[in-house]
Amino acid sequence: MKRLDILTPVGLLVGIIMLIFGIVDNGGIDGFLSFIDPASFFIVIGGLIAGLLVSFPLNDMKHVFTVVRQGFTHNAGDLNELINTFVSLSERARREGLLSLEAEMEELNDPFIKKGILLAVDGIEADMINDIMNAEISAMEERHRKGRSILEKAGEYAPAWGMIGTLIGLVLMLKSLNDPSSLGPNMAIALLTTLYGTLLANLVFHPIASKLMLKTEQEVFFKQLIIEGVLGVQSGQNPKLLREKLSAFLSSDDRKKAASALLEGASDNEA
């Protein structure tokens, strides 16, 4: 299940608030208004969009907003719950056979788990199951990399177009040195385009791309546990041994929580 990753909007909001506060504290509202320049904004955004359209096919660009949205969500996956699921599947498979797991398919929400269990039920060998599921992980990583690369390129292009805007402003300023009234607006374009480009790169594009990379690594880790769980169920591994094996994916704190939960469950059963 995907939920809002509150840290992403909070981080963006904190960055913007601190920036505004720093400007207003030193220059007041008038000082803040002097940092708003539509011409500088259009140079950076227009150049950025143009660069991305040249760099990527239309089909990839169609999904850019979907990619960005992923940076504002996180998968609410619970490793302990996942381990318990595989222990339960292992117990049923040892008791009633692998074919009995077909009845469990409706209760499994993760398509990756379903695929692995169906492969096991169909009698596919362990090595082939491992290859098939790892191939799907590799394909997922490549899809994520392609989507993330748009934001990474945007992070590269934004400061570059900021510098181009700076050069435009300097050229305009040098051409109108005999008109003092035009020096201020041209200097604003020269400096604010660099500010806008650097700000977009370091507050928006690069941080969200880094968040997406972390999400991919976490998803791969999650799926690796699933593969080990499926192979354990397929081989008829003892449920206790399977739990011990899968617990290697848990942090020390999660292991303590899992151990406490097991002790509480044992106490309830005795009662």
C-alpha atoms as a PDB file:
ATOM      1  CA  MET A   1       0.000   0.000   0.000  1.00  0.00           C
ATOM      2  CA  LYS A   2       1.355   3.430  -0.940  1.00  0.00           C
ATOM      3  CA  ARG A   3       1.114   6.314   1.481  1.00  0.00           C
ATOM      4  CA  LEU A   4       2.194   9.954   1.447  1.00  0.00           C
ATOM      5  CA  ASP A   5       5.868  10.393   2.250  1.00  0.00           C
ATOM      6  CA  ILE A   6       5.455  13.471   4.416  1.00  0.00           C
ATOM      7  CA  LEU A   7       9.196  14.225   4.525  1.00  0.00           C
ATOM      8  CA  THR A   8       9.339  15.190   0.825  1.00  0.00           C
ATOM      9  CA  PRO A   9       6.789  18.048   0.945  1.00  0.00           C
ATOM     10  CA  VAL A  10       8.041  19.072   4.405  1.00  0.00           C
ATOM     11  CA  GLY A  11      11.617  19.277   3.099  1.00  0.00           C
ATOM     12  CA  LEU A  12      10.569  21.373   0.106  1.00  0.00           C
ATOM     13  CA  LEU A  13       8.461  23.632   2.316  1.00  0.00           C
ATOM     14  CA  VAL A  14      11.256  24.121   4.860  1.00  0.00           C
ATOM     15  CA  GLY A  15      13.705  25.014   2.083  1.00  0.00           C
ATOM     16  CA  ILE A  16      11.340  27.573   0.557  1.00  0.00           C
ATOM     17  CA  ILE A  17      10.408  29.102   3.939  1.00  0.00           C
ATOM     18  CA  MET A  18      14.047  29.451   5.007  1.00  0.00           C
ATOM     19  CA  LEU A  19      14.901  31.059   1.675  1.00  0.00           C
ATOM     20  CA  ILE A  20      12.018  33.545   1.917  1.00  0.00           C
ATOM     21  CA  PHE A  21      12.831  34.296   5.553  1.00  0.00           C
ATOM     22  CA  GLY A  22      16.472  34.998   4.710  1.00  0.00           C
ATOM     23  CA  ILE A  23      15.483  37.404   1.954  1.00  0.00           C
ATOM     24  CA  VAL A  24      12.709  39.196   3.876  1.00  0.00           C
ATOM     25  CA  ASP A  25      14.795  39.456   7.051  1.00  0.00           C
ATOM     26  CA  ASN A  26      17.462  41.384   5.178  1.00  0.00           C
ATOM     27  CA  GLY A  27      15.459  43.307   2.606  1.00  0.00           C
ATOM     28  CA  GLY A  28      11.843  43.295   3.740  1.00  0.00           C
ATOM     29  CA  ILE A  29       8.925  42.692   1.388  1.00  0.00           C
ATOM     30  CA  ASP A  30      10.431  44.985  -1.244  1.00  0.00           C
ATOM     31  CA  GLY A  31      13.618  42.957  -1.095  1.00  0.00           C
ATOM     32  CA  PHE A  32      11.617  39.763  -1.624  1.00  0.00           C
ATOM     33  CA  LEU A  33       9.736  41.224  -4.581  1.00  0.00           C
ATOM     34  CA  SER A  34      13.046  42.129  -6.202  1.00  0.00           C
ATOM     35  CA  PHE A  35      13.811  38.386  -6.394  1.00  0.00           C
ATOM     36  CA  ILE A  36      10.768  37.783  -8.603  1.00  0.00           C
ATOM     37  CA  ASP A  37      11.579  38.211 -12.280  1.00  0.00           C
ATOM     38  CA  PRO A  38       9.331  36.544 -14.897  1.00  0.00           C
ATOM     39  CA  ALA A  39      11.944  36.872 -17.658  1.00  0.00           C
ATOM     40  CA  SER A  40      14.529  34.953 -15.646  1.00  0.00           C
ATOM     41  CA  PHE A  41      11.970  32.297 -14.755  1.00  0.00           C
ATOM     42  CA  PHE A  42      10.901  31.755 -18.366  1.00  0.00           C
ATOM     43  CA  ILE A  43      14.497  31.504 -19.574  1.00  0.00           C
ATOM     44  CA  VAL A  44      15.276  28.740 -17.063  1.00  0.00           C
ATOM     45  CA  ILE A  45      11.999  26.825 -17.380  1.00  0.00           C
ATOM     46  CA  GLY A  46      11.780  27.208 -21.154  1.00  0.00           C
ATOM     47  CA  GLY A  47      15.366  26.101 -21.693  1.00  0.00           C
ATOM     48  CA  LEU A  48      14.955  23.238 -19.234  1.00  0.00           C
ATOM     49  CA  ILE A  49      11.831  21.895 -20.973  1.00  0.00           C
ATOM     50  CA  ALA A  50      13.455  22.283 -24.388  1.00  0.00           C
ATOM     51  CA  GLY A  51      16.547  20.371 -23.245  1.00  0.00           C
ATOM     52  CA  LEU A  52      14.455  17.520 -21.822  1.00  0.00           C
ATOM     53  CA  LEU A  53      12.342  17.275 -24.994  1.00  0.00           C
ATOM     54  CA  VAL A  54      15.508  16.948 -27.050  1.00  0.00           C
ATOM     55  CA  SER A  55      17.050  14.397 -24.663  1.00  0.00           C
ATOM     56  CA  PHE A  56      14.123  12.017 -24.118  1.00  0.00           C
ATOM     57  CA  PRO A  57      11.456  10.402 -26.314  1.00  0.00           C
ATOM     58  CA  LEU A  58       7.884  11.575 -25.976  1.00  0.00           C
ATOM     59  CA  ASN A  59       6.771   8.313 -24.388  1.00  0.00           C
ATOM     60  CA  ASP A  60       9.180   8.844 -21.476  1.00  0.00           C
ATOM     61  CA  MET A  61       8.207  12.488 -21.077  1.00  0.00           C
ATOM     62  CA  LYS A  62       4.533  11.522 -20.755  1.00  0.00           C
ATOM     63  CA  HIS A  63       5.330   9.748 -17.489  1.00  0.00           C
ATOM     64  CA  VAL A  64       7.416  12.514 -15.909  1.00  0.00           C
ATOM     65  CA  PHE A  65       4.639  13.623 -13.542  1.00  0.00           C
ATOM     66  CA  THR A  66       4.034  10.010 -12.504  1.00  0.00           C
ATOM     67  CA  VAL A  67       7.755   9.700 -11.743  1.00  0.00           C
ATOM     68  CA  VAL A  68       7.736  12.902  -9.671  1.00  0.00           C
ATOM     69  CA  ARG A  69       4.645  11.728  -7.789  1.00  0.00           C
ATOM     70  CA  GLN A  70       6.546   8.598  -6.721  1.00  0.00           C
ATOM     71  CA  GLY A  71       8.897  10.848  -4.772  1.00  0.00           C
ATOM     72  CA  PHE A  72       5.971  11.918  -2.582  1.00  0.00           C
ATOM     73  CA  THR A  73       4.846   8.389  -1.680  1.00  0.00           C
ATOM     74  CA  HIS A  74       6.325   5.374   0.050  1.00  0.00           C
ATOM     75  CA  ASN A  75       5.386   1.720   0.225  1.00  0.00           C
ATOM     76  CA  ALA A  76       4.006   0.845   3.628  1.00  0.00           C
ATOM     77  CA  GLY A  77       5.530  -2.643   3.512  1.00  0.00           C
ATOM     78  CA  ASP A  78       6.207  -4.488   6.766  1.00  0.00           C
ATOM     79  CA  LEU A  79       9.078  -6.989   6.647  1.00  0.00           C
ATOM     80  CA  ASN A  80       7.895  -8.798   9.779  1.00  0.00           C
ATOM     81  CA  GLU A  81       4.430  -9.202   8.282  1.00  0.00           C
ATOM     82  CA  LEU A  82       5.972 -10.477   5.057  1.00  0.00           C
ATOM     83  CA  ILE A  83       8.037 -13.054   6.944  1.00  0.00           C
ATOM     84  CA  ASN A  84       4.933 -14.205   8.810  1.00  0.00           C
ATOM     85  CA  THR A  85       3.161 -14.620   5.460  1.00  0.00           C
ATOM     86  CA  PHE A  86       5.860 -16.939   4.137  1.00  0.00           C
ATOM     87  CA  VAL A  87       6.026 -18.913   7.385  1.00  0.00           C
ATOM     88  CA  SER A  88       2.262 -19.439   7.127  1.00  0.00           C
ATOM     89  CA  LEU A  89       2.561 -20.498   3.468  1.00  0.00           C
ATOM     90  CA  SER A  90       5.395 -22.854   4.365  1.00  0.00           C
ATOM     91  CA  GLU A  91       3.367 -24.483   7.135  1.00  0.00           C
ATOM     92  CA  ARG A  92       0.430 -25.078   4.808  1.00  0.00           C
ATOM     93  CA  ALA A  93       2.652 -26.358   1.984  1.00  0.00           C
ATOM     94  CA  ARG A  94       4.320 -28.899   4.302  1.00  0.00           C
ATOM     95  CA  ARG A  95       0.994 -29.952   5.741  1.00  0.00           C
ATOM     96  CA  GLU A  96      -1.161 -30.087   2.587  1.00  0.00           C
ATOM     97  CA  GLY A  97       1.284 -29.836  -0.339  1.00  0.00           C
ATOM     98  CA  LEU A  98       2.231 -27.017  -2.704  1.00  0.00           C
ATOM     99  CA  LEU A  99      -0.990 -27.307  -4.714  1.00  0.00           C
ATOM    100  CA  SER A 100      -2.972 -26.269  -1.642  1.00  0.00           C
ATOM    101  CA  LEU A 101      -1.395 -22.789  -1.905  1.00  0.00           C
ATOM    102  CA  GLU A 102      -3.601 -21.979  -4.914  1.00  0.00           C
ATOM    103  CA  ALA A 103      -6.370 -21.313  -2.387  1.00  0.00           C
ATOM    104  CA  GLU A 104      -4.161 -18.619  -0.787  1.00  0.00           C
ATOM    105  CA  MET A 105      -3.786 -16.570  -3.967  1.00  0.00           C
ATOM    106  CA  GLU A 106      -6.790 -14.341  -3.317  1.00  0.00           C
ATOM    107  CA  GLU A 107      -5.398 -13.304   0.068  1.00  0.00           C
ATOM    108  CA  LEU A 108      -2.021 -12.239  -1.340  1.00  0.00           C
ATOM    109  CA  ASN A 109      -1.984  -8.558  -2.316  1.00  0.00           C
ATOM    110  CA  ASP A 110       1.535  -8.378  -3.746  1.00  0.00           C
ATOM    111  CA  PRO A 111       1.684  -9.444  -7.441  1.00  0.00           C
ATOM    112  CA  PHE A 112       5.357 -10.388  -7.048  1.00  0.00           C
ATOM    113  CA  ILE A 113       4.549 -12.849  -4.262  1.00  0.00           C
ATOM    114  CA  LYS A 114       1.654 -14.260  -6.289  1.00  0.00           C
ATOM    115  CA  LYS A 115       3.901 -14.797  -9.282  1.00  0.00           C
ATOM    116  CA  GLY A 116       6.516 -16.613  -7.217  1.00  0.00           C
ATOM    117  CA  ILE A 117       4.007 -18.864  -5.484  1.00  0.00           C
ATOM    118  CA  LEU A 118       2.271 -19.708  -8.792  1.00  0.00           C
ATOM    119  CA  LEU A 119       5.632 -20.659 -10.295  1.00  0.00           C
ATOM    120  CA  ALA A 120       6.275 -22.914  -7.299  1.00  0.00           C
ATOM    121  CA  VAL A 121       2.801 -24.464  -7.539  1.00  0.00           C
ATOM    122  CA  ASP A 122       3.352 -25.114 -11.264  1.00  0.00           C
ATOM    123  CA  GLY A 123       6.382 -27.225 -10.388  1.00  0.00           C
ATOM    124  CA  ILE A 124       9.044 -24.887 -11.807  1.00  0.00           C
ATOM    125  CA  GLU A 125      12.542 -25.676 -10.537  1.00  0.00           C
ATOM    126  CA  ALA A 126      14.086 -23.433  -7.902  1.00  0.00           C
ATOM    127  CA  ASP A 127      16.874 -22.140 -10.185  1.00  0.00           C
ATOM    128  CA  MET A 128      14.361 -21.156 -12.851  1.00  0.00           C
ATOM    129  CA  ILE A 129      12.114 -19.414 -10.301  1.00  0.00           C
ATOM    130  CA  ASN A 130      15.141 -17.505  -9.040  1.00  0.00           C
ATOM    131  CA  ASP A 131      16.125 -16.479 -12.588  1.00  0.00           C
ATOM    132  CA  ILE A 132      12.601 -15.395 -13.555  1.00  0.00           C
ATOM    133  CA  MET A 133      12.032 -13.307 -10.437  1.00  0.00           C
ATOM    134  CA  ASN A 134      15.488 -11.713 -10.551  1.00  0.00           C
ATOM    135  CA  ALA A 135      14.889 -10.838 -14.205  1.00  0.00           C
ATOM    136  CA  GLU A 136      11.737  -9.005 -13.133  1.00  0.00           C
ATOM    137  CA  ILE A 137      13.733  -7.109 -10.497  1.00  0.00           C
ATOM    138  CA  SER A 138      16.313  -6.115 -13.112  1.00  0.00           C
ATOM    139  CA  ALA A 139      13.549  -4.897 -15.440  1.00  0.00           C
ATOM    140  CA  MET A 140      12.011  -2.889 -12.595  1.00  0.00           C
ATOM    141  CA  GLU A 141      15.373  -1.275 -11.792  1.00  0.00           C
ATOM    142  CA  GLU A 142      15.807  -0.304 -15.452  1.00  0.00           C
ATOM    143  CA  ARG A 143      12.312   1.238 -15.595  1.00  0.00           C
ATOM    144  CA  HIS A 144      13.017   3.195 -12.446  1.00  0.00           C
ATOM    145  CA  ARG A 145      16.417   4.292 -13.753  1.00  0.00           C
ATOM    146  CA  LYS A 146      14.866   5.639 -16.961  1.00  0.00           C
ATOM    147  CA  GLY A 147      12.255   7.602 -15.048  1.00  0.00           C
ATOM    148  CA  ARG A 148      14.805   8.901 -12.554  1.00  0.00           C
ATOM    149  CA  SER A 149      17.202   9.941 -15.309  1.00  0.00           C
ATOM    150  CA  ILE A 150      14.722  12.635 -16.438  1.00  0.00           C
ATOM    151  CA  LEU A 151      14.981  14.334 -13.036  1.00  0.00           C
ATOM    152  CA  GLU A 152      18.750  13.875 -12.957  1.00  0.00           C
ATOM    153  CA  LYS A 153      19.077  15.528 -16.367  1.00  0.00           C
ATOM    154  CA  ALA A 154      16.736  18.307 -15.255  1.00  0.00           C
ATOM    155  CA  GLY A 155      19.070  18.852 -12.311  1.00  0.00           C
ATOM    156  CA  GLU A 156      21.960  19.198 -14.755  1.00  0.00           C
ATOM    157  CA  TYR A 157      20.162  21.432 -17.246  1.00  0.00           C
ATOM    158  CA  ALA A 158      18.615  23.883 -14.742  1.00  0.00           C
ATOM    159  CA  PRO A 159      21.903  25.457 -13.530  1.00  0.00           C
ATOM    160  CA  ALA A 160      23.249  25.430 -17.109  1.00  0.00           C
ATOM    161  CA  TRP A 161      20.248  27.402 -18.337  1.00  0.00           C
ATOM    162  CA  GLY A 162      20.671  29.664 -15.351  1.00  0.00           C
ATOM    163  CA  MET A 163      24.164  30.446 -16.604  1.00  0.00           C
ATOM    164  CA  ILE A 164      22.828  31.008 -20.120  1.00  0.00           C
ATOM    165  CA  GLY A 165      20.338  33.483 -18.679  1.00  0.00           C
ATOM    166  CA  THR A 166      23.198  35.169 -16.847  1.00  0.00           C
ATOM    167  CA  LEU A 167      25.091  35.558 -20.124  1.00  0.00           C
ATOM    168  CA  ILE A 168      21.989  36.999 -21.786  1.00  0.00           C
ATOM    169  CA  GLY A 169      21.598  39.506 -18.983  1.00  0.00           C
ATOM    170  CA  LEU A 170      25.266  40.501 -19.155  1.00  0.00           C
ATOM    171  CA  VAL A 171      25.126  40.988 -22.909  1.00  0.00           C
ATOM    172  CA  LEU A 172      22.028  43.178 -22.578  1.00  0.00           C
ATOM    173  CA  MET A 173      23.669  45.127 -19.764  1.00  0.00           C
ATOM    174  CA  LEU A 174      26.890  45.738 -21.697  1.00  0.00           C
ATOM    175  CA  LYS A 175      24.972  46.860 -24.770  1.00  0.00           C
ATOM    176  CA  SER A 176      23.089  49.485 -22.758  1.00  0.00           C
ATOM    177  CA  LEU A 177      25.813  50.952 -20.573  1.00  0.00           C
ATOM    178  CA  ASN A 178      24.902  54.400 -21.897  1.00  0.00           C
ATOM    179  CA  ASP A 179      21.395  53.976 -20.422  1.00  0.00           C
ATOM    180  CA  PRO A 180      21.737  53.714 -16.619  1.00  0.00           C
ATOM    181  CA  SER A 181      18.012  52.991 -16.159  1.00  0.00           C
ATOM    182  CA  SER A 182      18.347  49.626 -17.961  1.00  0.00           C
ATOM    183  CA  LEU A 183      21.311  48.364 -15.942  1.00  0.00           C
ATOM    184  CA  GLY A 184      19.199  47.255 -12.978  1.00  0.00           C
ATOM    185  CA  PRO A 185      16.683  45.080 -14.895  1.00  0.00           C
ATOM    186  CA  ASN A 186      19.397  43.516 -17.040  1.00  0.00           C
ATOM    187  CA  MET A 187      21.543  42.778 -13.984  1.00  0.00           C
ATOM    188  CA  ALA A 188      18.498  41.178 -12.333  1.00  0.00           C
ATOM    189  CA  ILE A 189      18.096  38.817 -15.297  1.00  0.00           C
ATOM    190  CA  ALA A 190      21.803  38.050 -15.172  1.00  0.00           C
ATOM    191  CA  LEU A 191      21.784  37.054 -11.502  1.00  0.00           C
ATOM    192  CA  LEU A 192      18.276  35.678 -10.931  1.00  0.00           C
ATOM    193  CA  THR A 193      18.444  33.096 -13.735  1.00  0.00           C
ATOM    194  CA  THR A 194      21.459  31.522 -12.027  1.00  0.00           C
ATOM    195  CA  LEU A 195      19.612  31.608  -8.704  1.00  0.00           C
ATOM    196  CA  TYR A 196      16.467  30.018 -10.171  1.00  0.00           C
ATOM    197  CA  GLY A 197      18.394  27.303 -11.986  1.00  0.00           C
ATOM    198  CA  THR A 198      20.538  26.393  -8.972  1.00  0.00           C
ATOM    199  CA  LEU A 199      17.526  26.447  -6.662  1.00  0.00           C
ATOM    200  CA  LEU A 200      15.485  24.124  -8.871  1.00  0.00           C
ATOM    201  CA  ALA A 201      18.401  21.712  -9.227  1.00  0.00           C
ATOM    202  CA  ASN A 202      19.333  21.512  -5.548  1.00  0.00           C
ATOM    203  CA  LEU A 203      15.944  21.822  -3.882  1.00  0.00           C
ATOM    204  CA  VAL A 204      13.711  19.937  -6.325  1.00  0.00           C
ATOM    205  CA  PHE A 205      15.301  17.791  -9.033  1.00  0.00           C
ATOM    206  CA  HIS A 206      18.371  16.258  -7.367  1.00  0.00           C
ATOM    207  CA  PRO A 207      16.698  15.627  -3.971  1.00  0.00           C
ATOM    208  CA  ILE A 208      13.660  13.936  -5.549  1.00  0.00           C
ATOM    209  CA  ALA A 209      15.932  11.853  -7.814  1.00  0.00           C
ATOM    210  CA  SER A 210      17.884  10.771  -4.717  1.00  0.00           C
ATOM    211  CA  LYS A 211      14.632   9.854  -2.957  1.00  0.00           C
ATOM    212  CA  LEU A 212      13.579   7.759  -5.964  1.00  0.00           C
ATOM    213  CA  MET A 213      16.941   5.958  -5.979  1.00  0.00           C
ATOM    214  CA  LEU A 214      16.510   5.122  -2.289  1.00  0.00           C
ATOM    215  CA  LYS A 215      12.967   3.870  -2.934  1.00  0.00           C
ATOM    216  CA  THR A 216      14.256   1.599  -5.696  1.00  0.00           C
ATOM    217  CA  GLU A 217      16.934   0.156  -3.408  1.00  0.00           C
ATOM    218  CA  GLN A 218      14.328  -0.474  -0.706  1.00  0.00           C
ATOM    219  CA  GLU A 219      11.988  -2.151  -3.192  1.00  0.00           C
ATOM    220  CA  VAL A 220      14.775  -4.383  -4.488  1.00  0.00           C
ATOM    221  CA  PHE A 221      15.608  -5.355  -0.893  1.00  0.00           C
ATOM    222  CA  PHE A 222      11.940  -6.152  -0.252  1.00  0.00           C
ATOM    223  CA  LYS A 223      11.711  -8.287  -3.394  1.00  0.00           C
ATOM    224  CA  GLN A 224      14.909 -10.164  -2.549  1.00  0.00           C
ATOM    225  CA  LEU A 225      13.277 -11.245   0.685  1.00  0.00           C
ATOM    226  CA  ILE A 226      10.250 -12.390  -1.309  1.00  0.00           C
ATOM    227  CA  ILE A 227      12.452 -14.510  -3.587  1.00  0.00           C
ATOM    228  CA  GLU A 228      14.085 -16.194  -0.594  1.00  0.00           C
ATOM    229  CA  GLY A 229      10.662 -16.787   0.916  1.00  0.00           C
ATOM    230  CA  VAL A 230       9.260 -18.314  -2.286  1.00  0.00           C
ATOM    231  CA  LEU A 231      12.285 -20.609  -2.672  1.00  0.00           C
ATOM    232  CA  GLY A 232      11.949 -21.677   0.951  1.00  0.00           C
ATOM    233  CA  VAL A 233       8.283 -22.554   0.461  1.00  0.00           C
ATOM    234  CA  GLN A 234       9.037 -24.318  -2.853  1.00  0.00           C
ATOM    235  CA  SER A 235      11.734 -26.492  -1.272  1.00  0.00           C
ATOM    236  CA  GLY A 236       9.532 -27.475   1.664  1.00  0.00           C
ATOM    237  CA  GLN A 237      11.828 -25.820   4.178  1.00  0.00           C
ATOM    238  CA  ASN A 238      10.974 -26.106   7.855  1.00  0.00           C
ATOM    239  CA  PRO A 239       8.897 -23.019   8.817  1.00  0.00           C
ATOM    240  CA  LYS A 240      11.095 -22.271  11.838  1.00  0.00           C
ATOM    241  CA  LEU A 241      14.248 -22.455   9.737  1.00  0.00           C
ATOM    242  CA  LEU A 242      12.610 -20.325   7.058  1.00  0.00           C
ATOM    243  CA  ARG A 243      11.730 -17.671   9.642  1.00  0.00           C
ATOM    244  CA  GLU A 244      15.320 -17.718  10.888  1.00  0.00           C
ATOM    245  CA  LYS A 245      16.645 -17.386   7.340  1.00  0.00           C
ATOM    246  CA  LEU A 246      14.356 -14.517   6.406  1.00  0.00           C
ATOM    247  CA  SER A 247      15.088 -12.734   9.692  1.00  0.00           C
ATOM    248  CA  ALA A 248      18.545 -11.992   8.264  1.00  0.00           C
ATOM    249  CA  PHE A 249      16.805  -9.217   6.263  1.00  0.00           C
ATOM    250  CA  LEU A 250      15.645  -7.507   9.468  1.00  0.00           C
ATOM    251  CA  SER A 251      17.467  -4.825  11.395  1.00  0.00           C
ATOM    252  CA  SER A 252      18.368  -5.556  15.020  1.00  0.00           C
ATOM    253  CA  ASP A 253      15.414  -3.480  16.270  1.00  0.00           C
ATOM    254  CA  ASP A 254      12.992  -5.286  13.958  1.00  0.00           C
ATOM    255  CA  ARG A 255      14.339  -8.648  15.136  1.00  0.00           C
ATOM    256  CA  LYS A 256      13.682  -7.679  18.751  1.00  0.00           C
ATOM    257  CA  LYS A 257      10.137  -6.617  17.868  1.00  0.00           C
ATOM    258  CA  ALA A 258       9.571  -9.889  16.000  1.00  0.00           C
ATOM    259  CA  ALA A 259      10.912 -11.922  18.924  1.00  0.00           C
ATOM    260  CA  SER A 260       8.658 -10.037  21.354  1.00  0.00           C
ATOM    261  CA  ALA A 261       5.640 -10.612  19.110  1.00  0.00           C
ATOM    262  CA  LEU A 262       6.402 -14.351  18.943  1.00  0.00           C
ATOM    263  CA  LEU A 263       6.719 -14.571  22.741  1.00  0.00           C
ATOM    264  CA  GLU A 264       3.427 -12.726  23.205  1.00  0.00           C
ATOM    265  CA  GLY A 265       1.758 -15.053  20.696  1.00  0.00           C
ATOM    266  CA  ALA A 266       3.118 -18.120  22.489  1.00  0.00           C
ATOM    267  CA  SER A 267       1.879 -16.772  25.837  1.00  0.00           C
ATOM    268  CA  ASP A 268      -1.601 -16.161  24.408  1.00  0.00           C
ATOM    269  CA  ASN A 269      -1.720 -19.709  23.013  1.00  0.00           C
ATOM    270  CA  GLU A 270      -0.748 -21.195  26.401  1.00  0.00           C
ATOM    271  CA  ALA A 271      -3.406 -19.110  28.095  1.00  0.00           C
END
